[in-house]
C-alpha atoms as a PDB file:
ATOM      1  CA  UNK A   1     -11.593  18.274  -5.104  1.00  0.00           C
ATOM      2  CA  UNK A   2      -8.498  16.585  -4.373  1.00  0.00           C
ATOM      3  CA  UNK A   3      -9.174  13.135  -6.856  1.00  0.00           C
ATOM      4  CA  UNK A   4     -10.059  15.370  -9.632  1.00  0.00           C
ATOM      5  CA  UNK A   5      -7.418  17.371  -9.749  1.00  0.00           C
ATOM      6  CA  UNK A   6      -4.951  14.352  -9.985  1.00  0.00           C
ATOM      7  CA  UNK A   7      -6.174  13.425 -13.233  1.00  0.00           C
ATOM      8  CA  UNK A   8      -4.133  15.179 -15.609  1.00  0.00           C
ATOM      9  CA  UNK A   9      -2.011  15.137 -18.372  1.00  0.00           C
ATOM     10  CA  UNK A  10       1.172  16.578 -20.272  1.00  0.00           C
ATOM     11  CA  UNK A  11       0.064  14.814 -23.223  1.00  0.00           C
ATOM     12  CA  UNK A  12       0.084  17.412 -26.642  1.00  0.00           C
ATOM     13  CA  UNK A  13      -3.259  18.828 -27.122  1.00  0.00           C
ATOM     14  CA  UNK A  14      -5.713  16.400 -29.651  1.00  0.00           C
ATOM     15  CA  UNK A  15      -5.284  19.133 -32.629  1.00  0.00           C
ATOM     16  CA  UNK A  16      -8.495  17.657 -34.511  1.00  0.00           C
ATOM     17  CA  UNK A  17     -10.317  19.041 -31.484  1.00  0.00           C
ATOM     18  CA  UNK A  18      -8.384  22.087 -31.139  1.00  0.00           C
ATOM     19  CA  UNK A  19      -8.925  23.222 -34.305  1.00  0.00           C
ATOM     20  CA  UNK A  20     -12.925  22.915 -33.968  1.00  0.00           C
ATOM     21  CA  UNK A  21     -13.015  24.935 -31.074  1.00  0.00           C
ATOM     22  CA  UNK A  22     -10.547  27.379 -32.382  1.00  0.00           C
ATOM     23  CA  UNK A  23     -13.861  28.173 -34.712  1.00  0.00           C
ATOM     24  CA  UNK A  24     -14.953  29.832 -31.696  1.00  0.00           C
ATOM     25  CA  UNK A  25     -12.223  31.258 -30.405  1.00  0.00           C
ATOM     26  CA  UNK A  26     -10.770  32.630 -33.325  1.00  0.00           C
ATOM     27  CA  UNK A  27     -13.625  34.884 -33.490  1.00  0.00           C
ATOM     28  CA  UNK A  28     -13.514  36.256 -29.888  1.00  0.00           C
ATOM     29  CA  UNK A  29      -9.815  36.491 -30.446  1.00  0.00           C
ATOM     30  CA  UNK A  30     -10.398  38.802 -33.437  1.00  0.00           C
ATOM     31  CA  UNK A  31     -13.584  40.358 -32.693  1.00  0.00           C
ATOM     32  CA  UNK A  32     -15.144  40.163 -29.175  1.00  0.00           C
ATOM     33  CA  UNK A  33     -11.883  40.394 -27.301  1.00  0.00           C
ATOM     34  CA  UNK A  34      -9.960  41.986 -29.615  1.00  0.00           C
ATOM     35  CA  UNK A  35      -7.046  40.644 -28.794  1.00  0.00           C
ATOM     36  CA  UNK A  36      -3.406  42.186 -29.946  1.00  0.00           C
ATOM     37  CA  UNK A  37      -0.585  39.809 -28.638  1.00  0.00           C
ATOM     38  CA  UNK A  38       3.369  41.112 -29.325  1.00  0.00           C
ATOM     39  CA  UNK A  39       6.695  40.493 -28.255  1.00  0.00           C
ATOM     40  CA  UNK A  40       6.394  36.406 -30.036  1.00  0.00           C
ATOM     41  CA  UNK A  41       9.784  36.685 -31.142  1.00  0.00           C
ATOM     42  CA  UNK A  42      11.144  37.010 -27.705  1.00  0.00           C
ATOM     43  CA  UNK A  43      10.581  33.271 -26.854  1.00  0.00           C
ATOM     44  CA  UNK A  44      13.244  30.998 -26.232  1.00  0.00           C
ATOM     45  CA  UNK A  45      14.037  28.258 -28.767  1.00  0.00           C
ATOM     46  CA  UNK A  46      13.852  25.925 -25.585  1.00  0.00           C
ATOM     47  CA  UNK A  47      11.410  25.248 -23.472  1.00  0.00           C
ATOM     48  CA  UNK A  48      10.193  28.317 -21.076  1.00  0.00           C
ATOM     49  CA  UNK A  49       8.380  28.902 -18.058  1.00  0.00           C
ATOM     50  CA  UNK A  50       5.817  32.023 -18.758  1.00  0.00           C
ATOM     51  CA  UNK A  51       4.988  34.387 -15.573  1.00  0.00           C
ATOM     52  CA  UNK A  52       1.936  36.618 -16.253  1.00  0.00           C
ATOM     53  CA  UNK A  53      -0.479  38.284 -13.947  1.00  0.00           C
ATOM     54  CA  UNK A  54      -4.735  37.532 -14.896  1.00  0.00           C
ATOM     55  CA  UNK A  55      -8.019  39.321 -14.228  1.00  0.00           C
ATOM     56  CA  UNK A  56     -11.534  38.570 -14.364  1.00  0.00           C
ATOM     57  CA  UNK A  57     -12.158  36.786 -10.995  1.00  0.00           C
ATOM     58  CA  UNK A  58     -12.753  32.987 -12.151  1.00  0.00           C
ATOM     59  CA  UNK A  59     -13.170  33.311 -15.439  1.00  0.00           C
ATOM     60  CA  UNK A  60      -9.552  35.092 -16.350  1.00  0.00           C
ATOM     61  CA  UNK A  61     -10.070  35.501 -19.935  1.00  0.00           C
ATOM     62  CA  UNK A  62      -6.682  37.712 -20.537  1.00  0.00           C
ATOM     63  CA  UNK A  63      -5.080  33.786 -19.738  1.00  0.00           C
ATOM     64  CA  UNK A  64      -7.762  32.035 -21.795  1.00  0.00           C
ATOM     65  CA  UNK A  65      -7.053  33.925 -24.670  1.00  0.00           C
ATOM     66  CA  UNK A  66      -2.734  33.715 -23.904  1.00  0.00           C
ATOM     67  CA  UNK A  67      -3.424  30.131 -24.527  1.00  0.00           C
ATOM     68  CA  UNK A  68      -5.920  30.455 -27.992  1.00  0.00           C
ATOM     69  CA  UNK A  69      -3.708  32.905 -29.532  1.00  0.00           C
ATOM     70  CA  UNK A  70      -0.636  30.579 -28.747  1.00  0.00           C
ATOM     71  CA  UNK A  71      -2.534  27.649 -29.969  1.00  0.00           C
ATOM     72  CA  UNK A  72      -3.039  29.557 -33.378  1.00  0.00           C
ATOM     73  CA  UNK A  73       0.237  30.627 -33.406  1.00  0.00           C
ATOM     74  CA  UNK A  74       2.005  27.419 -33.303  1.00  0.00           C
ATOM     75  CA  UNK A  75      -0.902  24.858 -33.785  1.00  0.00           C
ATOM     76  CA  UNK A  76       0.711  21.585 -31.623  1.00  0.00           C
ATOM     77  CA  UNK A  77       4.321  22.320 -33.167  1.00  0.00           C
ATOM     78  CA  UNK A  78       5.275  23.775 -29.368  1.00  0.00           C
ATOM     79  CA  UNK A  79       2.918  22.915 -26.498  1.00  0.00           C
ATOM     80  CA  UNK A  80       1.844  25.337 -23.992  1.00  0.00           C
ATOM     81  CA  UNK A  81       0.262  24.456 -20.854  1.00  0.00           C
ATOM     82  CA  UNK A  82      -1.846  26.362 -18.696  1.00  0.00           C
ATOM     83  CA  UNK A  83      -2.493  26.048 -14.976  1.00  0.00           C
ATOM     84  CA  UNK A  84      -5.332  26.562 -13.311  1.00  0.00           C
ATOM     85  CA  UNK A  85      -6.898  26.146  -9.467  1.00  0.00           C
ATOM     86  CA  UNK A  86      -8.130  23.449  -7.875  1.00  0.00           C
ATOM     87  CA  UNK A  87     -11.662  24.702  -8.115  1.00  0.00           C
ATOM     88  CA  UNK A  88     -11.535  25.275 -11.620  1.00  0.00           C
ATOM     89  CA  UNK A  89      -9.889  21.763 -12.534  1.00  0.00           C
ATOM     90  CA  UNK A  90     -12.378  19.651  -9.957  1.00  0.00           C
ATOM     91  CA  UNK A  91     -15.507  21.688 -11.831  1.00  0.00           C
ATOM     92  CA  UNK A  92     -17.592  19.206 -13.891  1.00  0.00           C
ATOM     93  CA  UNK A  93     -17.504  20.387 -17.741  1.00  0.00           C
ATOM     94  CA  UNK A  94     -14.770  23.141 -17.186  1.00  0.00           C
ATOM     95  CA  UNK A  95     -12.322  21.360 -15.546  1.00  0.00           C
ATOM     96  CA  UNK A  96     -13.024  18.355 -18.268  1.00  0.00           C
ATOM     97  CA  UNK A  97     -12.213  20.926 -20.758  1.00  0.00           C
ATOM     98  CA  UNK A  98      -9.305  22.530 -19.151  1.00  0.00           C
ATOM     99  CA  UNK A  99      -7.696  18.965 -19.508  1.00  0.00           C
ATOM    100  CA  UNK A 100      -8.559  18.264 -22.996  1.00  0.00           C
ATOM    101  CA  UNK A 101      -7.099  21.796 -23.809  1.00  0.00           C
ATOM    102  CA  UNK A 102      -3.485  20.726 -22.015  1.00  0.00           C
ATOM    103  CA  UNK A 103      -4.407  22.591 -18.568  1.00  0.00           C
ATOM    104  CA  UNK A 104      -2.728  21.106 -15.761  1.00  0.00           C
ATOM    105  CA  UNK A 105      -3.121  22.090 -11.836  1.00  0.00           C
ATOM    106  CA  UNK A 106      -0.924  24.815 -10.555  1.00  0.00           C
ATOM    107  CA  UNK A 107       1.432  22.240  -9.032  1.00  0.00           C
ATOM    108  CA  UNK A 108       5.015  20.926  -8.441  1.00  0.00           C
ATOM    109  CA  UNK A 109       4.506  17.241  -9.789  1.00  0.00           C
ATOM    110  CA  UNK A 110       2.405  18.424 -12.895  1.00  0.00           C
ATOM    111  CA  UNK A 111       4.887  21.756 -14.174  1.00  0.00           C
ATOM    112  CA  UNK A 112       7.761  19.277 -13.710  1.00  0.00           C
ATOM    113  CA  UNK A 113       6.638  16.850 -15.455  1.00  0.00           C
ATOM    114  CA  UNK A 114       5.642  19.296 -18.424  1.00  0.00           C
ATOM    115  CA  UNK A 115       8.722  20.820 -18.743  1.00  0.00           C
ATOM    116  CA  UNK A 116      10.490  17.493 -18.429  1.00  0.00           C
ATOM    117  CA  UNK A 117       8.139  16.663 -21.648  1.00  0.00           C
ATOM    118  CA  UNK A 118       9.978  19.565 -23.255  1.00  0.00           C
ATOM    119  CA  UNK A 119       6.761  21.526 -23.201  1.00  0.00           C
ATOM    120  CA  UNK A 120       6.047  25.359 -22.350  1.00  0.00           C
ATOM    121  CA  UNK A 121       3.710  26.275 -19.114  1.00  0.00           C
ATOM    122  CA  UNK A 122       2.225  29.389 -18.048  1.00  0.00           C
ATOM    123  CA  UNK A 123       1.900  30.035 -14.442  1.00  0.00           C
ATOM    124  CA  UNK A 124      -0.184  33.020 -12.805  1.00  0.00           C
ATOM    125  CA  UNK A 125       1.780  32.963  -9.427  1.00  0.00           C
ATOM    126  CA  UNK A 126      -0.969  35.464  -7.820  1.00  0.00           C
ATOM    127  CA  UNK A 127      -3.842  33.205  -8.196  1.00  0.00           C
ATOM    128  CA  UNK A 128      -7.160  34.034  -6.596  1.00  0.00           C
ATOM    129  CA  UNK A 129      -5.696  37.098  -5.129  1.00  0.00           C
ATOM    130  CA  UNK A 130      -4.203  38.736  -8.814  1.00  0.00           C
ATOM    131  CA  UNK A 131      -7.288  37.271 -10.699  1.00  0.00           C
ATOM    132  CA  UNK A 132      -9.944  39.256  -7.919  1.00  0.00           C
ATOM    133  CA  UNK A 133      -8.463  42.479  -6.543  1.00  0.00           C
ATOM    134  CA  UNK A 134     -10.311  45.024  -7.172  1.00  0.00           C
ATOM    135  CA  UNK A 135     -11.023  47.528 -10.218  1.00  0.00           C
ATOM    136  CA  UNK A 136      -8.872  50.544  -8.985  1.00  0.00           C
ATOM    137  CA  UNK A 137      -5.907  47.971  -8.770  1.00  0.00           C
ATOM    138  CA  UNK A 138      -6.134  46.914 -11.957  1.00  0.00           C
ATOM    139  CA  UNK A 139      -3.084  47.864 -14.032  1.00  0.00           C
ATOM    140  CA  UNK A 140      -1.257  46.820 -10.207  1.00  0.00           C
ATOM    141  CA  UNK A 141       1.050  43.490 -10.575  1.00  0.00           C
ATOM    142  CA  UNK A 142      -0.335  41.090  -7.751  1.00  0.00           C
ATOM    143  CA  UNK A 143       2.266  38.093  -7.763  1.00  0.00           C
ATOM    144  CA  UNK A 144       1.005  37.555  -3.902  1.00  0.00           C
ATOM    145  CA  UNK A 145       4.609  37.125  -2.573  1.00  0.00           C
ATOM    146  CA  UNK A 146       4.431  32.997  -4.042  1.00  0.00           C
ATOM    147  CA  UNK A 147       7.991  32.290  -5.043  1.00  0.00           C
ATOM    148  CA  UNK A 148       7.781  28.971  -5.437  1.00  0.00           C
ATOM    149  CA  UNK A 149       7.636  29.283  -9.342  1.00  0.00           C
ATOM    150  CA  UNK A 150      11.227  30.559  -9.128  1.00  0.00           C
ATOM    151  CA  UNK A 151      12.248  27.198  -7.543  1.00  0.00           C
ATOM    152  CA  UNK A 152      10.426  25.057  -9.824  1.00  0.00           C
ATOM    153  CA  UNK A 153      12.602  27.186 -12.475  1.00  0.00           C
ATOM    154  CA  UNK A 154      15.936  26.178 -10.852  1.00  0.00           C
ATOM    155  CA  UNK A 155      14.607  22.870 -10.454  1.00  0.00           C
ATOM    156  CA  UNK A 156      13.628  22.336 -13.917  1.00  0.00           C
ATOM    157  CA  UNK A 157      16.636  24.106 -16.111  1.00  0.00           C
ATOM    158  CA  UNK A 158      14.176  26.483 -17.525  1.00  0.00           C
ATOM    159  CA  UNK A 159      14.621  30.538 -18.212  1.00  0.00           C
ATOM    160  CA  UNK A 160      11.339  32.377 -17.089  1.00  0.00           C
ATOM    161  CA  UNK A 161       9.842  34.900 -19.374  1.00  0.00           C
ATOM    162  CA  UNK A 162       7.214  37.721 -17.793  1.00  0.00           C
ATOM    163  CA  UNK A 163       4.502  38.804 -19.693  1.00  0.00           C
ATOM    164  CA  UNK A 164       2.247  41.628 -19.545  1.00  0.00           C
ATOM    165  CA  UNK A 165      -1.406  42.097 -19.945  1.00  0.00           C
ATOM    166  CA  UNK A 166      -4.108  45.186 -19.532  1.00  0.00           C
ATOM    167  CA  UNK A 167      -8.225  44.820 -20.230  1.00  0.00           C
ATOM    168  CA  UNK A 168      -9.206  41.375 -18.815  1.00  0.00           C
ATOM    169  CA  UNK A 169     -10.134  43.182 -15.104  1.00  0.00           C
ATOM    170  CA  UNK A 170     -13.005  45.110 -17.677  1.00  0.00           C
ATOM    171  CA  UNK A 171     -14.467  42.011 -18.465  1.00  0.00           C
ATOM    172  CA  UNK A 172     -15.650  42.200 -14.863  1.00  0.00           C
ATOM    173  CA  UNK A 173     -15.791  44.685 -12.309  1.00  0.00           C
ATOM    174  CA  UNK A 174     -14.563  43.638  -9.049  1.00  0.00           C
ATOM    175  CA  UNK A 175     -16.211  46.158  -6.474  1.00  0.00           C
ATOM    176  CA  UNK A 176     -14.908  44.505  -3.072  1.00  0.00           C
ATOM    177  CA  UNK A 177     -12.470  42.009  -2.737  1.00  0.00           C
ATOM    178  CA  UNK A 178     -14.057  40.544   0.226  1.00  0.00           C
ATOM    179  CA  UNK A 179     -10.890  38.939   1.906  1.00  0.00           C
ATOM    180  CA  UNK A 180     -13.190  39.097   5.559  1.00  0.00           C
ATOM    181  CA  UNK A 181     -16.215  37.903   4.153  1.00  0.00           C
ATOM    182  CA  UNK A 182     -13.679  35.011   2.330  1.00  0.00           C
ATOM    183  CA  UNK A 183     -12.397  34.836   6.154  1.00  0.00           C
ATOM    184  CA  UNK A 184     -15.808  33.893   8.411  1.00  0.00           C
ATOM    185  CA  UNK A 185     -17.193  31.671   4.962  1.00  0.00           C
ATOM    186  CA  UNK A 186     -13.600  29.619   6.004  1.00  0.00           C
ATOM    187  CA  UNK A 187     -13.506  29.747   1.932  1.00  0.00           C
ATOM    188  CA  UNK A 188      -9.485  29.451   2.353  1.00  0.00           C
ATOM    189  CA  UNK A 189     -10.590  25.533   3.684  1.00  0.00           C
ATOM    190  CA  UNK A 190     -13.715  24.700   1.711  1.00  0.00           C
ATOM    191  CA  UNK A 191     -11.944  26.415  -1.940  1.00  0.00           C
ATOM    192  CA  UNK A 192      -8.201  26.842  -1.098  1.00  0.00           C
ATOM    193  CA  UNK A 193      -9.379  30.553  -2.026  1.00  0.00           C
ATOM    194  CA  UNK A 194      -9.100  34.018   0.229  1.00  0.00           C
ATOM    195  CA  UNK A 195     -11.218  36.209  -1.495  1.00  0.00           C
ATOM    196  CA  UNK A 196     -14.748  36.081  -2.300  1.00  0.00           C
ATOM    197  CA  UNK A 197     -15.689  39.328  -4.279  1.00  0.00           C
ATOM    198  CA  UNK A 198     -18.156  41.376  -4.840  1.00  0.00           C
ATOM    199  CA  UNK A 199     -18.704  42.112  -8.751  1.00  0.00           C
ATOM    200  CA  UNK A 200     -20.726  43.892 -11.237  1.00  0.00           C
ATOM    201  CA  UNK A 201     -20.803  41.949 -14.301  1.00  0.00           C
ATOM    202  CA  UNK A 202     -23.204  40.312 -16.681  1.00  0.00           C
ATOM    203  CA  UNK A 203     -25.869  39.190 -17.047  1.00  0.00           C
ATOM    204  CA  UNK A 204     -26.702  39.508 -13.123  1.00  0.00           C
ATOM    205  CA  UNK A 205     -25.573  42.889 -12.364  1.00  0.00           C
ATOM    206  CA  UNK A 206     -24.374  43.507  -9.020  1.00  0.00           C
ATOM    207  CA  UNK A 207     -23.333  39.817  -7.000  1.00  0.00           C
ATOM    208  CA  UNK A 208     -21.167  38.026  -4.565  1.00  0.00           C
ATOM    209  CA  UNK A 209     -18.798  35.386  -6.863  1.00  0.00           C
ATOM    210  CA  UNK A 210     -17.769  31.953  -4.812  1.00  0.00           C
ATOM    211  CA  UNK A 211     -18.032  30.766  -8.183  1.00  0.00           C
ATOM    212  CA  UNK A 212     -18.432  31.467 -11.808  1.00  0.00           C
ATOM    213  CA  UNK A 213     -21.603  33.534 -12.229  1.00  0.00           C
ATOM    214  CA  UNK A 214     -20.858  36.309 -15.082  1.00  0.00           C
ATOM    215  CA  UNK A 215     -20.613  36.187 -18.858  1.00  0.00           C
ATOM    216  CA  UNK A 216     -17.198  37.827 -19.502  1.00  0.00           C
ATOM    217  CA  UNK A 217     -17.531  41.470 -21.544  1.00  0.00           C
ATOM    218  CA  UNK A 218     -15.952  42.337 -24.793  1.00  0.00           C
ATOM    219  CA  UNK A 219     -13.204  44.568 -23.425  1.00  0.00           C
ATOM    220  CA  UNK A 220     -10.273  44.930 -25.484  1.00  0.00           C
ATOM    221  CA  UNK A 221      -7.168  42.652 -24.018  1.00  0.00           C
ATOM    222  CA  UNK A 222      -3.545  43.529 -25.028  1.00  0.00           C
ATOM    223  CA  UNK A 223      -0.644  41.350 -23.984  1.00  0.00           C
ATOM    224  CA  UNK A 224       2.410  41.495 -24.373  1.00  0.00           C
ATOM    225  CA  UNK A 225       5.775  38.795 -23.974  1.00  0.00           C
ATOM    226  CA  UNK A 226       8.449  39.918 -22.709  1.00  0.00           C
ATOM    227  CA  UNK A 227      12.165  39.938 -22.097  1.00  0.00           C
ATOM    228  CA  UNK A 228      13.078  36.440 -20.894  1.00  0.00           C
ATOM    229  CA  UNK A 229      15.075  36.702 -17.636  1.00  0.00           C
ATOM    230  CA  UNK A 230      17.777  33.907 -17.044  1.00  0.00           C
ATOM    231  CA  UNK A 231      17.931  31.419 -14.419  1.00  0.00           C
ATOM    232  CA  UNK A 232      20.559  30.164 -12.378  1.00  0.00           C
ATOM    233  CA  UNK A 233      19.866  25.557 -12.545  1.00  0.00           C
ATOM    234  CA  UNK A 234      22.445  25.208 -10.179  1.00  0.00           C
ATOM    235  CA  UNK A 235      20.035  23.769  -7.402  1.00  0.00           C
ATOM    236  CA  UNK A 236      21.826  24.676  -4.547  1.00  0.00           C
ATOM    237  CA  UNK A 237      20.152  28.472  -5.892  1.00  0.00           C
ATOM    238  CA  UNK A 238      16.771  26.936  -5.013  1.00  0.00           C
ATOM    239  CA  UNK A 239      17.439  27.797  -1.402  1.00  0.00           C
ATOM    240  CA  UNK A 240      19.306  30.716  -1.858  1.00  0.00           C
ATOM    241  CA  UNK A 241      16.331  32.888  -0.552  1.00  0.00           C
ATOM    242  CA  UNK A 242      18.142  36.010  -1.107  1.00  0.00           C
ATOM    243  CA  UNK A 243      18.896  34.779  -4.795  1.00  0.00           C
ATOM    244  CA  UNK A 244      14.889  34.183  -5.629  1.00  0.00           C
ATOM    245  CA  UNK A 245      13.830  37.439  -3.796  1.00  0.00           C
ATOM    246  CA  UNK A 246      15.612  39.564  -6.404  1.00  0.00           C
ATOM    247  CA  UNK A 247      14.499  37.321  -9.061  1.00  0.00           C
ATOM    248  CA  UNK A 248      11.227  37.323  -8.111  1.00  0.00           C
ATOM    249  CA  UNK A 249      12.077  41.459  -7.344  1.00  0.00           C
ATOM    250  CA  UNK A 250      13.135  41.669 -11.408  1.00  0.00           C
ATOM    251  CA  UNK A 251      10.122  39.684 -12.439  1.00  0.00           C
ATOM    252  CA  UNK A 252       7.882  41.875 -10.465  1.00  0.00           C
ATOM    253  CA  UNK A 253       9.524  44.590 -12.344  1.00  0.00           C
ATOM    254  CA  UNK A 254       9.168  43.772 -15.914  1.00  0.00           C
ATOM    255  CA  UNK A 255       6.056  42.213 -15.624  1.00  0.00           C
ATOM    256  CA  UNK A 256       4.916  46.007 -13.953  1.00  0.00           C
ATOM    257  CA  UNK A 257       6.808  48.209 -16.627  1.00  0.00           C
ATOM    258  CA  UNK A 258       4.767  46.031 -19.313  1.00  0.00           C
ATOM    259  CA  UNK A 259       1.513  46.723 -17.841  1.00  0.00           C
ATOM    260  CA  UNK A 260       2.060  50.387 -17.629  1.00  0.00           C
ATOM    261  CA  UNK A 261       3.652  50.493 -21.674  1.00  0.00           C
ATOM    262  CA  UNK A 262       0.163  49.091 -22.507  1.00  0.00           C
ATOM    263  CA  UNK A 263      -1.828  50.970 -20.137  1.00  0.00           C
ATOM    264  CA  UNK A 264      -1.245  53.744 -21.471  1.00  0.00           C
ATOM    265  CA  UNK A 265      -2.279  51.795 -25.086  1.00  0.00           C
ATOM    266  CA  UNK A 266      -5.857  52.686 -23.823  1.00  0.00           C
ATOM    267  CA  UNK A 267      -8.301  54.925 -26.310  1.00  0.00           C
ATOM    268  CA  UNK A 268     -10.836  55.130 -23.326  1.00  0.00           C
ATOM    269  CA  UNK A 269     -12.506  54.811 -19.830  1.00  0.00           C
ATOM    270  CA  UNK A 270     -13.123  50.763 -20.823  1.00  0.00           C
ATOM    271  CA  UNK A 271     -13.493  48.540 -23.436  1.00  0.00           C
ATOM    272  CA  UNK A 272     -10.628  50.137 -25.707  1.00  0.00           C
END
């Protein structure tokens, strides 16, 4: 895994290649997931760190559709790098696609390089504990207590833009998170993953999903870009635990309030 995750670049995406794949993504955005993305006007004029939550186990369609909607809006004039788990970056095929689409490992070196290039980066700090949370927690913001992204924003001198989203958790139904099973299978050591979720999805029905094993269902995805949160770029702040904790709580609360608003727009139990 480590060798393949070292293969990344912060070069802008190839617009010709991206435009070709947008034929598919335009259909997915407009007709399959019926994506609504609001709050574009809140983006700062300078590079920013977007912080959000994501759902759907390994295939987080709320994250993918955000990146696709971003490219469709800016078409390379403003580059957004998604970030991904080492396991996904290392997978043959999927990892190659991610790199071509500008996805980078969720690591200090790659994220710092992207900001140094003047690009935006979106990070989902909760990682697998967020993406694989049970369906009954679908409207609960989970950042996993991971605060390194705040220290990275301080070091890179960029603001943080929270992003709220709902709908991704209806693309597959997580019935159980499988934390004990993951521990028994030593997935933390093997795959850097704390969960082995039991899902109900298409086409295999009830499945233990240690790897991507479902086709996302056509749930409606709503995403809102929220007001930026200023981050003190004094390097000393990175070692100020009280400051980091306050900003973490502020960001978490902002996203939770946004998720609550979006959840109220649902017109049905699922998919709408």
